[in-house]
Protein backbone atom coordinates (compact mmCIF):
# COMPACT_ATOMS: atom_id res chain seq x y z
CA MET A 1 0.00 0.00 0.00
CA ASN A 2 1.31 3.46 -0.89
CA ILE A 3 0.32 7.14 -0.97
CA PRO A 4 -0.84 7.21 -4.66
CA PHE A 5 -3.35 4.47 -3.76
CA ILE A 6 -5.03 6.89 -1.31
CA LEU A 7 -5.78 9.51 -3.97
CA GLU A 8 -6.87 6.85 -6.48
CA LYS A 9 -9.31 5.46 -3.91
CA ALA A 10 -10.77 8.91 -3.19
CA LEU A 11 -11.07 9.69 -6.90
CA ASN A 12 -12.92 6.44 -7.58
CA LEU A 13 -15.49 7.06 -4.84
CA TYR A 14 -15.74 10.83 -4.43
CA ALA A 15 -14.82 12.44 -7.76
CA GLU A 16 -17.57 15.09 -7.69
CA LYS A 17 -17.49 15.70 -3.94
CA GLU A 18 -15.91 18.91 -2.63
CA ALA A 19 -12.38 18.04 -1.55
CA VAL A 20 -10.46 21.24 -0.84
CA VAL A 21 -11.36 24.75 0.24
CA CYS A 22 -8.54 27.30 0.30
CA SER A 23 -9.26 31.01 0.48
CA GLN A 24 -11.68 31.68 -2.41
CA LYS A 25 -10.85 28.45 -4.23
CA ARG A 26 -12.88 25.26 -4.07
CA PHE A 27 -11.98 22.00 -5.76
CA THR A 28 -13.78 18.70 -6.12
CA TYR A 29 -11.75 15.52 -5.83
CA ARG A 30 -11.68 15.35 -9.64
CA GLN A 31 -10.32 18.90 -9.89
CA PHE A 32 -7.85 18.33 -7.07
CA ALA A 33 -6.60 15.12 -8.70
CA ASP A 34 -6.28 16.85 -12.08
CA ARG A 35 -4.06 19.53 -10.56
CA THR A 36 -2.04 16.88 -8.73
CA PHE A 37 -1.50 14.87 -11.92
CA ARG A 38 -0.46 18.04 -13.83
CA LEU A 39 2.15 18.81 -11.18
CA ALA A 40 3.40 15.22 -11.32
CA HIS A 41 3.70 15.39 -15.12
CA TYR A 42 5.74 18.59 -14.93
CA LEU A 43 8.02 17.21 -12.25
CA LYS A 44 8.63 14.19 -14.44
CA THR A 45 9.63 16.41 -17.38
CA MET A 46 12.15 18.02 -15.05
CA GLY A 47 13.73 14.63 -14.48
CA ILE A 48 12.18 13.94 -11.08
CA GLY A 49 11.79 10.21 -10.54
CA LYS A 50 11.82 7.53 -7.91
CA GLY A 51 14.08 8.37 -4.99
CA ASP A 52 14.63 12.03 -5.97
CA CYS A 53 13.96 14.67 -3.35
CA VAL A 54 11.64 17.66 -3.84
CA ALA A 55 11.47 20.35 -1.14
CA ILE A 56 8.61 22.73 -0.41
CA LEU A 57 8.81 26.09 1.41
CA HIS A 58 5.25 27.26 1.74
CA GLN A 59 2.53 28.52 4.04
CA ASN A 60 -0.57 26.33 4.29
CA SER A 61 -2.17 26.07 0.85
CA HIS A 62 -3.96 23.68 -1.47
CA ARG A 63 -0.64 23.57 -3.32
CA PHE A 64 0.94 21.92 -0.27
CA LEU A 65 -1.68 19.16 -0.45
CA GLU A 66 -1.05 18.80 -4.20
CA ALA A 67 2.69 18.45 -3.62
CA TYR A 68 2.20 15.71 -1.01
CA PHE A 69 0.40 13.57 -3.59
CA ALA A 70 2.17 14.61 -6.81
CA VAL A 71 5.67 13.88 -5.51
CA ALA A 72 4.52 10.49 -4.21
CA GLN A 73 2.96 9.76 -7.63
CA LEU A 74 6.52 9.61 -9.01
CA GLY A 75 7.95 7.58 -6.14
CA ALA A 76 9.95 10.67 -5.21
CA ILE A 77 10.52 12.10 -1.70
CA LEU A 78 8.92 15.28 -0.33
CA ASN A 79 10.90 17.40 2.12
CA PRO A 80 8.58 19.96 3.84
CA LEU A 81 10.62 22.91 5.14
CA ASN A 82 9.99 24.90 8.30
CA ILE A 83 9.18 28.43 7.13
CA ARG A 84 10.74 29.99 10.24
CA LEU A 85 14.24 28.68 9.63
CA SER A 86 17.05 30.96 8.48
CA PRO A 87 18.47 30.75 4.93
CA GLY A 88 21.59 29.08 6.35
CA GLU A 89 19.55 26.41 8.15
CA LEU A 90 17.40 25.83 5.07
CA SER A 91 20.48 25.58 2.88
CA PHE A 92 21.93 22.89 5.16
CA ILE A 93 18.70 20.88 4.98
CA LEU A 94 18.44 21.17 1.20
CA LYS A 95 22.00 19.95 0.79
CA ASP A 96 21.65 17.16 3.35
CA SER A 97 18.39 15.88 1.81
CA GLY A 98 19.77 16.05 -1.73
CA ALA A 99 16.77 18.12 -2.88
CA VAL A 100 17.02 19.03 -6.56
CA LEU A 101 13.82 21.06 -6.92
CA LEU A 102 12.07 23.55 -4.64
CA ILE A 103 8.41 24.59 -4.64
CA ALA A 104 8.32 27.98 -2.93
CA SER A 105 5.82 30.72 -2.17
CA ARG A 106 6.87 34.14 -3.45
CA ARG A 107 6.43 35.49 0.09
CA TYR A 108 9.73 33.70 0.89
CA GLY A 109 11.53 35.12 -2.15
CA GLU A 110 14.24 36.90 -0.15
CA GLN A 111 15.13 33.75 1.79
CA VAL A 112 15.24 31.68 -1.41
CA ALA A 113 17.43 34.28 -3.13
CA GLU A 114 19.93 33.94 -0.26
CA ILE A 115 19.73 30.16 -0.40
CA LYS A 116 20.51 30.20 -4.14
CA GLU A 117 23.79 31.93 -3.34
CA MET A 118 24.77 28.92 -1.25
CA GLU A 119 25.76 25.45 -2.32
CA THR A 120 22.61 23.30 -2.23
CA GLY A 121 22.24 21.24 -5.42
CA LEU A 122 18.90 22.83 -6.40
CA ARG A 123 18.26 22.74 -10.13
CA GLN A 124 14.91 24.53 -10.34
CA ILE A 125 12.41 26.57 -8.35
CA ILE A 126 8.64 26.57 -8.91
CA TRP A 127 7.07 29.79 -7.60
CA THR A 128 3.52 30.12 -6.29
CA GLY A 129 1.35 33.04 -5.28
CA GLN A 130 1.16 36.68 -6.28
CA GLY A 131 3.93 39.23 -6.48
CA GLU A 132 7.20 39.79 -8.24
CA THR A 133 9.28 36.73 -9.06
CA PRO A 134 12.83 37.02 -7.72
CA ALA A 135 15.44 37.25 -10.46
CA ILE A 136 16.63 33.66 -10.07
CA SER A 137 17.53 31.46 -13.01
CA SER A 138 15.72 28.17 -13.68
CA SER A 139 12.41 29.40 -12.25
CA VAL A 140 8.81 28.83 -13.39
CA ASP A 141 5.36 29.88 -12.19
CA TYR A 142 3.26 27.14 -10.58
CA GLU A 143 -0.06 27.98 -12.25
CA ASP A 144 1.50 28.62 -15.67
CA MET A 145 3.23 25.27 -15.39
CA LEU A 146 -0.01 23.48 -14.53
CA LYS A 147 -1.79 24.94 -17.56
CA ARG A 148 0.82 23.43 -19.88
CA ALA A 149 0.96 19.99 -18.25
CA SER A 150 -1.24 16.94 -18.86
CA ASP A 151 -3.93 16.01 -16.36
CA SER A 152 -3.86 12.29 -17.18
CA PRO A 153 -2.85 9.96 -14.35
CA LEU A 154 0.79 8.89 -14.49
CA PRO A 155 1.65 5.22 -14.14
CA VAL A 156 2.88 4.79 -10.59
CA PRO A 157 6.34 3.21 -10.38
CA SER A 158 6.84 0.14 -8.23
CA ILE A 159 6.82 1.44 -4.64
CA SER A 160 7.69 -0.88 -1.78
CA ASP A 161 6.57 -0.43 1.82
CA GLY A 162 10.02 0.70 2.89
CA ASP A 163 10.55 3.31 0.16
CA ILE A 164 10.99 6.81 1.57
CA ALA A 165 7.96 9.07 1.17
CA HIS A 166 8.93 12.06 3.33
CA LEU A 167 11.84 13.70 5.09
CA TYR A 168 10.99 15.90 8.05
CA TYR A 169 13.91 17.74 9.64
CA THR A 170 14.06 18.16 13.38
CA SER A 171 16.72 19.43 15.79
CA GLY A 172 19.66 17.07 16.21
CA THR A 173 21.55 16.38 19.44
CA THR A 174 24.71 17.63 17.73
CA GLY A 175 23.04 20.92 16.83
CA ARG A 176 22.62 19.93 13.19
CA PRO A 177 19.08 19.28 11.93
CA LYS A 178 18.43 15.60 11.25
CA GLY A 179 16.12 14.21 8.60
CA VAL A 180 13.49 11.83 9.94
CA ILE A 181 12.78 9.16 7.32
CA LEU A 182 9.11 8.23 6.90
CA SER A 183 8.25 5.44 4.49
CA HIS A 184 5.06 4.79 2.55
CA LYS A 185 4.31 2.06 5.10
CA ASN A 186 4.72 4.53 7.97
CA VAL A 187 2.41 7.11 6.39
CA CYS A 188 -0.29 4.70 5.18
CA THR A 189 -0.35 2.62 8.37
CA HIS A 190 -0.74 5.77 10.44
CA ALA A 191 -3.53 7.09 8.20
CA LEU A 192 -5.51 3.84 8.49
CA ALA A 193 -4.98 3.72 12.26
CA ALA A 194 -6.17 7.33 12.63
CA ILE A 195 -9.26 6.58 10.53
CA ALA A 196 -10.10 3.70 12.86
CA GLU A 197 -9.33 5.53 16.11
CA LEU A 198 -11.08 8.79 15.23
CA ARG A 199 -13.86 7.21 13.15
CA LEU A 200 -13.11 9.49 10.22
CA CYS A 201 -15.53 9.37 7.28
CA ASP A 202 -16.72 11.28 4.22
CA ARG A 203 -18.92 13.51 6.41
CA ASP A 204 -15.87 15.00 8.12
CA ASN A 205 -14.59 18.50 7.38
CA TRP A 206 -11.03 19.04 8.62
CA ILE A 207 -9.42 22.46 9.02
CA HIS A 208 -5.67 22.63 8.35
CA ALA A 209 -4.85 25.44 10.81
CA ALA A 210 -1.64 23.99 12.23
CA PRO A 211 1.26 24.11 9.72
CA LEU A 212 1.31 21.52 6.94
CA PHE A 213 5.10 21.28 7.17
CA HIS A 214 4.59 19.76 10.62
CA LEU A 215 3.13 16.32 11.33
CA ALA A 216 0.72 17.65 13.96
CA ASP A 217 -1.44 18.44 10.93
CA ALA A 218 0.17 16.87 7.85
CA TRP A 219 -0.95 13.31 8.67
CA ALA A 220 -4.57 14.40 8.06
CA THR A 221 -3.69 15.06 4.41
CA PHE A 222 -3.77 11.31 3.87
CA ALA A 223 -6.38 10.12 6.37
CA ILE A 224 -9.01 12.70 5.35
CA THR A 225 -8.40 12.08 1.63
CA TRP A 226 -8.65 8.31 2.12
CA VAL A 227 -12.20 8.62 3.50
CA GLY A 228 -13.31 11.36 1.11
CA GLY A 229 -13.54 14.11 3.73
CA LYS A 230 -13.14 17.82 3.03
CA HIS A 231 -9.89 19.73 3.57
CA VAL A 232 -10.33 23.36 4.63
CA VAL A 233 -6.97 25.12 4.44
CA VAL A 234 -6.13 28.25 6.44
CA GLU A 235 -3.03 29.94 5.01
CA ASP A 236 -2.04 31.80 8.18
CA PHE A 237 -3.15 31.26 11.76
CA GLU A 238 -5.19 34.30 12.77
CA PRO A 239 -7.52 33.42 15.68
CA SER A 240 -10.60 35.37 14.59
CA PHE A 241 -10.37 34.03 11.04
CA VAL A 242 -9.91 30.46 12.25
CA LEU A 243 -12.95 30.78 14.51
CA SER A 244 -15.10 32.15 11.69
CA THR A 245 -13.90 29.35 9.39
CA LEU A 246 -14.80 26.70 11.98
CA HIS A 247 -18.27 28.23 11.98
CA GLU A 248 -18.78 28.87 8.25
CA GLU A 249 -17.29 25.64 6.89
CA ARG A 250 -19.01 23.48 9.49
CA ILE A 251 -15.75 21.91 10.63
CA THR A 252 -16.26 18.56 12.38
CA ILE A 253 -12.77 17.67 13.63
CA THR A 254 -9.23 19.04 13.74
CA ASN A 255 -5.92 18.95 15.58
CA MET A 256 -4.12 22.07 16.76
CA ILE A 257 -1.06 22.96 18.80
CA PRO A 258 -1.87 23.90 22.45
CA THR A 259 -0.70 27.49 21.96
CA MET A 260 -3.17 27.85 19.06
CA LEU A 261 -6.07 26.45 21.08
CA ASN A 262 -5.16 28.71 23.98
CA MET A 263 -5.29 31.72 21.66
CA LEU A 264 -8.68 30.65 20.27
CA VAL A 265 -10.39 30.27 23.65
CA ASN A 266 -8.97 33.63 24.78
CA THR A 267 -10.22 35.49 21.70
CA PRO A 268 -12.78 38.07 22.92
CA GLU A 269 -15.47 37.25 20.34
CA VAL A 270 -15.17 33.46 20.64
CA ASP A 271 -18.68 33.06 22.06
CA SER A 272 -20.30 34.71 19.04
CA TYR A 273 -19.68 31.72 16.74
CA ASP A 274 -21.61 28.50 16.24
CA PHE A 275 -19.46 25.39 16.77
CA SER A 276 -22.30 22.87 16.82
CA SER A 277 -20.81 20.98 13.84
CA LEU A 278 -17.67 20.10 15.82
CA ARG A 279 -17.58 16.54 17.11
CA ALA A 280 -13.97 16.54 18.34
CA ILE A 281 -11.05 18.86 19.00
CA LEU A 282 -7.63 17.25 19.22
CA SER A 283 -4.62 18.83 20.87
CA GLY A 284 -1.12 17.68 19.99
CA GLY A 285 2.47 18.67 19.40
CA ALA A 286 3.20 19.75 22.99
CA PRO A 287 1.91 19.31 26.57
CA ILE A 288 -1.24 21.22 27.47
CA ALA A 289 -2.39 22.48 30.85
CA SER A 290 -5.58 21.06 32.36
CA GLU A 291 -7.01 24.57 32.75
CA VAL A 292 -6.69 25.13 29.01
CA VAL A 293 -8.38 21.77 28.36
CA LYS A 294 -11.33 22.88 30.51
CA ARG A 295 -11.63 26.11 28.55
CA ILE A 296 -11.54 24.20 25.25
CA MET A 297 -14.32 21.84 26.33
CA GLU A 298 -16.42 24.70 27.70
CA THR A 299 -15.94 26.81 24.57
CA PHE A 300 -16.40 24.27 21.79
CA LYS A 301 -18.77 21.90 23.63
CA CYS A 302 -17.49 18.83 21.81
CA ASP A 303 -15.34 15.81 22.58
CA TYR A 304 -11.75 16.62 23.48
CA ILE A 305 -8.90 14.25 22.65
CA GLN A 306 -5.39 14.71 23.94
CA THR A 307 -2.76 13.38 21.55
CA TYR A 308 0.94 12.70 21.89
CA GLY A 309 3.36 11.80 19.17
CA MET A 310 6.64 12.47 17.44
CA THR A 311 7.89 13.18 13.96
CA GLU A 312 9.64 9.82 14.23
CA THR A 313 6.30 8.04 14.68
CA SER A 314 4.18 9.56 11.89
CA PRO A 315 3.15 11.05 14.54
CA TYR A 316 0.55 9.62 16.98
CA LEU A 317 1.62 7.43 19.88
CA THR A 318 -1.27 7.95 22.30
CA LEU A 319 -4.82 9.31 22.40
CA SER A 320 -6.91 10.16 25.46
CA ILE A 321 -9.99 8.40 24.07
CA LEU A 322 -11.80 6.62 26.89
CA LYS A 323 -11.89 2.85 27.01
CA GLU A 324 -15.34 1.31 27.30
CA ASN A 325 -14.96 0.54 31.00
CA LEU A 326 -14.23 4.23 31.76
CA ILE A 327 -17.32 5.69 30.08
CA HIS A 328 -19.49 5.07 33.16
CA LEU A 329 -17.28 7.31 35.31
CA SER A 330 -18.50 10.69 36.50
CA PRO A 331 -17.70 13.72 34.29
CA GLU A 332 -15.02 14.79 36.77
CA GLU A 333 -13.37 11.36 36.72
CA GLN A 334 -13.62 11.17 32.93
CA PHE A 335 -11.89 14.53 32.69
CA GLN A 336 -8.89 13.15 34.55
CA TYR A 337 -8.42 10.68 31.70
CA LYS A 338 -9.34 13.07 28.88
CA ALA A 339 -6.69 15.53 30.03
CA ARG A 340 -3.98 12.86 30.32
CA THR A 341 -1.47 12.06 27.61
CA GLY A 342 -3.51 8.97 26.77
CA ARG A 343 -3.45 5.26 26.03
CA PRO A 344 -1.41 3.73 23.17
CA PHE A 345 -2.48 4.43 19.58
CA ILE A 346 -3.80 1.39 17.77
CA GLY A 347 -0.62 0.94 15.71
CA VAL A 348 1.77 1.15 18.64
CA LEU A 349 3.32 -1.04 21.32
CA LEU A 350 4.33 1.19 24.23
CA LYS A 351 6.28 0.71 27.45
CA VAL A 352 7.46 3.05 30.20
CA VAL A 353 10.86 1.89 31.41
CA ARG A 354 13.51 2.57 34.01
CA GLU A 355 17.16 3.27 33.17
CA ASP A 356 17.89 -0.50 33.26
CA GLY A 357 15.11 -1.22 30.75
CA SER A 358 12.68 -2.78 33.22
CA GLU A 359 9.10 -1.53 33.18
CA VAL A 360 7.85 0.90 35.81
CA PHE A 361 4.99 -0.04 38.14
CA PRO A 362 1.58 1.06 36.76
CA ASN A 363 0.90 3.13 39.87
CA ASP A 364 0.76 6.56 38.19
CA GLU A 365 3.68 7.64 40.36
CA GLU A 366 6.93 6.04 39.21
CA VAL A 367 8.49 7.96 36.31
CA GLY A 368 10.24 6.30 33.38
CA GLU A 369 11.00 6.84 29.69
CA ILE A 370 8.45 6.04 27.00
CA ILE A 371 9.69 3.55 24.39
CA VAL A 372 7.64 2.39 21.40
CA LYS A 373 7.62 0.10 18.40
CA GLY A 374 5.29 -0.46 15.44
CA ASP A 375 4.86 0.02 11.70
CA ILE A 376 4.47 3.79 12.13
CA VAL A 377 7.96 4.15 13.65
CA THR A 378 10.78 5.54 11.50
CA GLU A 379 13.69 3.37 10.47
CA GLY A 380 16.06 6.17 11.34
CA TYR A 381 17.63 9.48 10.40
CA LEU A 382 19.04 10.27 6.97
CA ASN A 383 22.86 10.20 6.97
CA ARG A 384 22.93 9.90 10.79
CA PRO A 385 23.87 6.30 11.70
CA GLU A 386 25.09 7.23 15.19
CA GLU A 387 21.95 9.15 16.13
CA THR A 388 19.80 6.39 14.66
CA ALA A 389 21.60 3.80 16.79
CA ALA A 390 21.21 5.97 19.90
CA SER A 391 17.44 6.29 19.44
CA LEU A 392 16.51 2.87 18.03
CA LYS A 393 17.53 -0.14 20.10
CA ASP A 394 16.35 -3.70 19.44
CA GLY A 395 13.42 -2.37 17.44
CA TRP A 396 12.30 0.07 20.15
CA LEU A 397 12.37 3.85 19.72
CA PHE A 398 13.49 5.66 22.88
CA THR A 399 11.43 8.85 22.86
CA GLY A 400 13.22 10.87 25.55
CA ASP A 401 9.81 11.63 27.10
CA MET A 402 9.37 10.90 30.81
CA ALA A 403 5.99 9.67 32.01
CA THR A 404 3.99 7.72 34.55
CA LEU A 405 1.71 4.78 33.74
CA ASP A 406 -1.58 3.94 35.45
CA LYS A 407 -3.39 0.62 35.91
CA GLU A 408 -5.62 1.31 32.88
CA GLY A 409 -2.59 1.64 30.59
CA TYR A 410 -2.82 5.43 30.23
CA VAL A 411 0.44 7.35 30.30
CA ASN A 412 0.97 10.90 31.50
CA ILE A 413 4.04 12.81 30.35
CA VAL A 414 5.77 14.83 33.05
CA ASP A 415 8.69 16.22 31.05
CA ARG A 416 11.26 15.73 28.34
CA LYS A 417 14.22 13.80 29.74
CA LYS A 418 16.53 16.69 28.90
CA ASP A 419 14.19 19.26 30.50
CA VAL A 420 13.82 17.68 33.96
CA ILE A 421 14.86 20.24 36.58
CA ILE A 422 17.07 18.87 39.36
CA THR A 423 16.89 21.26 42.29
CA GLY A 424 18.40 20.38 45.66
CA GLY A 425 18.71 16.77 44.51
CA GLU A 426 14.98 16.49 43.71
CA ASN A 427 13.56 15.90 40.24
CA VAL A 428 11.01 18.57 39.35
CA TYR A 429 8.96 18.24 36.18
CA SER A 430 8.16 21.38 34.24
CA VAL A 431 4.72 20.19 33.10
CA GLU A 432 3.50 20.06 36.72
CA ILE A 433 4.70 23.62 37.34
CA GLU A 434 3.16 24.87 34.11
CA ASN A 435 -0.18 23.27 34.98
CA ALA A 436 -0.10 25.30 38.20
CA LEU A 437 0.78 28.50 36.33
CA TYR A 438 -2.18 28.13 33.97
CA THR A 439 -4.63 27.97 36.88
CA HIS A 440 -3.82 31.59 37.71
CA PRO A 441 -6.57 33.78 36.19
CA SER A 442 -4.09 36.34 34.82
CA VAL A 443 -1.74 33.91 33.05
CA LEU A 444 -2.12 33.55 29.29
CA GLU A 445 1.01 31.44 28.71
CA GLY A 446 3.68 30.08 30.99
CA ALA A 447 6.82 27.98 30.86
CA ALA A 448 9.04 26.56 33.59
CA ILE A 449 12.77 26.02 33.17
CA GLY A 450 15.77 25.26 35.32
CA ILE A 451 18.48 27.92 35.63
CA PRO A 452 21.95 27.54 37.22
CA ASP A 453 21.94 28.17 40.97
CA SER A 454 24.95 28.07 43.31
CA LYS A 455 22.91 26.71 46.22
CA TRP A 456 20.39 24.35 44.61
CA GLY A 457 22.28 23.34 41.46
CA GLU A 458 19.26 24.42 39.45
CA ALA A 459 16.46 26.75 40.48
CA VAL A 460 12.98 26.78 38.98
CA LYS A 461 12.19 29.89 36.94
CA ALA A 462 8.77 30.66 35.51
CA VAL A 463 8.48 32.80 32.40
CA VAL A 464 4.97 34.18 32.03
CA VAL A 465 2.84 36.07 29.51
CA LEU A 466 -0.13 37.82 31.12
CA LYS A 467 -3.55 38.14 29.54
CA PRO A 468 -4.26 41.57 28.01
CA GLY A 469 -5.44 44.00 30.68
CA HIS A 470 -4.38 41.72 33.57
CA GLN A 471 -1.71 42.28 36.19
CA ALA A 472 0.20 40.04 38.59
CA THR A 473 3.38 40.27 40.66
CA GLU A 474 6.25 37.81 40.98
CA GLU A 475 5.33 37.14 44.62
CA GLU A 476 1.71 36.51 43.70
CA ILE A 477 2.60 33.95 41.01
CA ILE A 478 5.05 32.12 43.30
CA GLN A 479 2.53 31.97 46.15
CA HIS A 480 -0.17 30.75 43.79
CA CYS A 481 2.07 27.88 42.65
CA LYS A 482 2.94 26.97 46.27
CA GLU A 483 -0.79 26.56 46.89
CA GLN A 484 -1.09 24.17 43.93
CA ILE A 485 2.03 22.01 44.20
CA ALA A 486 4.76 21.15 46.72
CA ARG A 487 6.62 24.26 47.84
CA TYR A 488 10.03 23.01 46.63
CA LYS A 489 8.58 22.66 43.11
CA ALA A 490 7.32 26.23 42.98
CA PRO A 491 9.30 28.84 41.01
CA LYS A 492 12.04 30.68 42.84
CA SER A 493 11.68 33.56 40.39
CA VAL A 494 9.26 34.78 37.72
CA ASP A 495 9.94 36.83 34.63
CA PHE A 496 7.10 38.57 32.77
CA VAL A 497 7.53 38.81 28.99
CA PRO A 498 5.33 40.06 26.12
CA GLU A 499 5.60 36.70 24.36
CA LEU A 500 7.32 33.34 24.64
CA PRO A 501 9.62 32.09 21.87
CA LYS A 502 7.90 29.63 19.54
CA THR A 503 9.05 26.99 17.09
CA GLY A 504 7.91 27.04 13.47
CA SER A 505 4.97 24.83 14.41
CA GLY A 506 3.84 27.19 17.19
CA LYS A 507 5.13 25.21 20.18
CA ILE A 508 6.85 27.00 23.06
CA TYR A 509 10.59 26.79 22.33
CA LYS A 510 12.08 25.60 25.62
CA LYS A 511 15.62 25.28 24.26
CA GLY A 512 15.62 28.90 23.09
CA LEU A 513 14.07 30.04 26.35
CA LYS A 514 16.70 28.29 28.46
CA ALA A 515 19.47 29.77 26.31
CA ARG A 516 18.41 33.25 27.46
CA TYR A 517 19.24 32.39 31.05
CA ARG A 518 22.41 30.35 30.64
């Protein structure tokens, strides 16, 4: 089974059904497939074939969806690029991946012009969107190219389960980005598992609000297409516009980063929209505070599903969907499970282990590292044999995420292994502190980090963004935390900032935050 099969299946069953909505454009599955086949034909004329790498630097767009399927149609590899990276970082990734062609939005023309001055191996650039085309040789316009290309389906080359479909670059332990290899088997197995777990069908309307270069959202490209659902694409995350789109397009289900959901529920006009079409909101990509979960459930009045995953696992590893024997619990007891990291995804075997590899007791207290295996797990990192060997041992992926396990098999992440704060010889987990911060009525966003301290080794520092029009003092925040958690876990100091640093996907950037205080 491979990615081209997914589009062929959708085309056979849903050709005249609306498939994609993006800004003012609407395409049926027939129209979407025609555009995808035209792009594939053009790429083939440019010499792109099985095993070649095509990169894309683009905001969310129907063209991103087209690229995901067109590149796979040729057995080639798509490398989605993080739009927030510098030209130097992008240049490194392009060279490391071996990308020979780049699909780029004109809004990133200056970055691409700088990249072209560096050694990358790019042979051509396909430009999308409005505006002036940078004066770069070997460039063509996306829409002009489509008009000249054939819309007939290309014969799909022989694609095996293990053939690489995508390369997603993530931060490496050496400081160099590393390319996570995802195969056709990884992508298709995950899509089928998500369809089963989330009961996706042709009545579902999915909004792509989280970035399509990130797997928190990109996986839905394949699962939603497979069942003939509708893709609603939001080019840029603007809370009011996202809320109005949820309302107008009758969105039924989506996944967003916690920071995005927090912004939505704190938008002043949020209560003026109708969200009755929503059946589920998923949160993923980073930990989320229980207080934010409560606000989400109160605001959208639909099922809430916590998700946890990694780029290396396509991405889902757990979901907080209730098992049958938990449905009879009181709403308060159910919430304790809904707001947890969750139980293993259907395509995953999961353990929580001690340093010696033995499994922790399922008492929801002992902390260990999550390790996983399954057909959705990467086979490794491109050109990084040492890092691959360090992460994958005897078929198990060591995630670096620390968690507890309860008797029902639900895990709860307490921290990244590298982010655990050791203060006065005690392990303190940042997630617990952040949950306390978010219960303060004036806190919009908060992060907890460890900073060097001559007495304690590390001291807990909270970095906080206040809600507009709200005030709070350092002493007030510290005292509030001491009332929520053990006193030794509470912050020793609090900094107030206008905003927290974010990654390209919108997650709070802990590494960058800690660097400010080192």
